[in-house]
Amino acid sequence: AGGLTMIEFMMAFKADAAQQEHLVQLISELLQETVARNDSLGRSSALATFEGEKSPVSPASYVRRIAKYGGCSPCCFAIGLIYLKRLKRRESSVCLTSCNFQRLFLVAVMLAAKFLDDSYY
């Protein structure tokens, strides 16, 4: 019938993901700078549901931790940022702070992983 087998597809997918590892580093630095800037300006978000205690983990460390243990492709981090940007466009009072970035970023990456990485038959 032609085409890739599932094993060939997964190997190609993993090889492609390995070439995108620099993306995770870039996104971790971007998130770190954004949260630091919003905290220094005293900004807070209107999404009270996502607010919590100040995170003991830096945003950059959190992104690297999700990348290491989350099992999702690096593309999910980029798509997660797009989802957060869309949320910001829709609700302008939303901003990432040290009290909400973990929850907001994790949800965005989880949604992206569900869309990009889930295998279904």
Foldseek 3Di string as FASTA:
>chain_A
DDDDDPVRVVVVVVVVLVVCPVLLQVLQVVLQVQQVVCVVVVADAPPPVQFAPQDPDGSSVLSVVCVVPVPAGSVLQVQLVVVVVVVCVVPVSGGDYSGGPNPSSVVSSVVSCVVPPDDDD
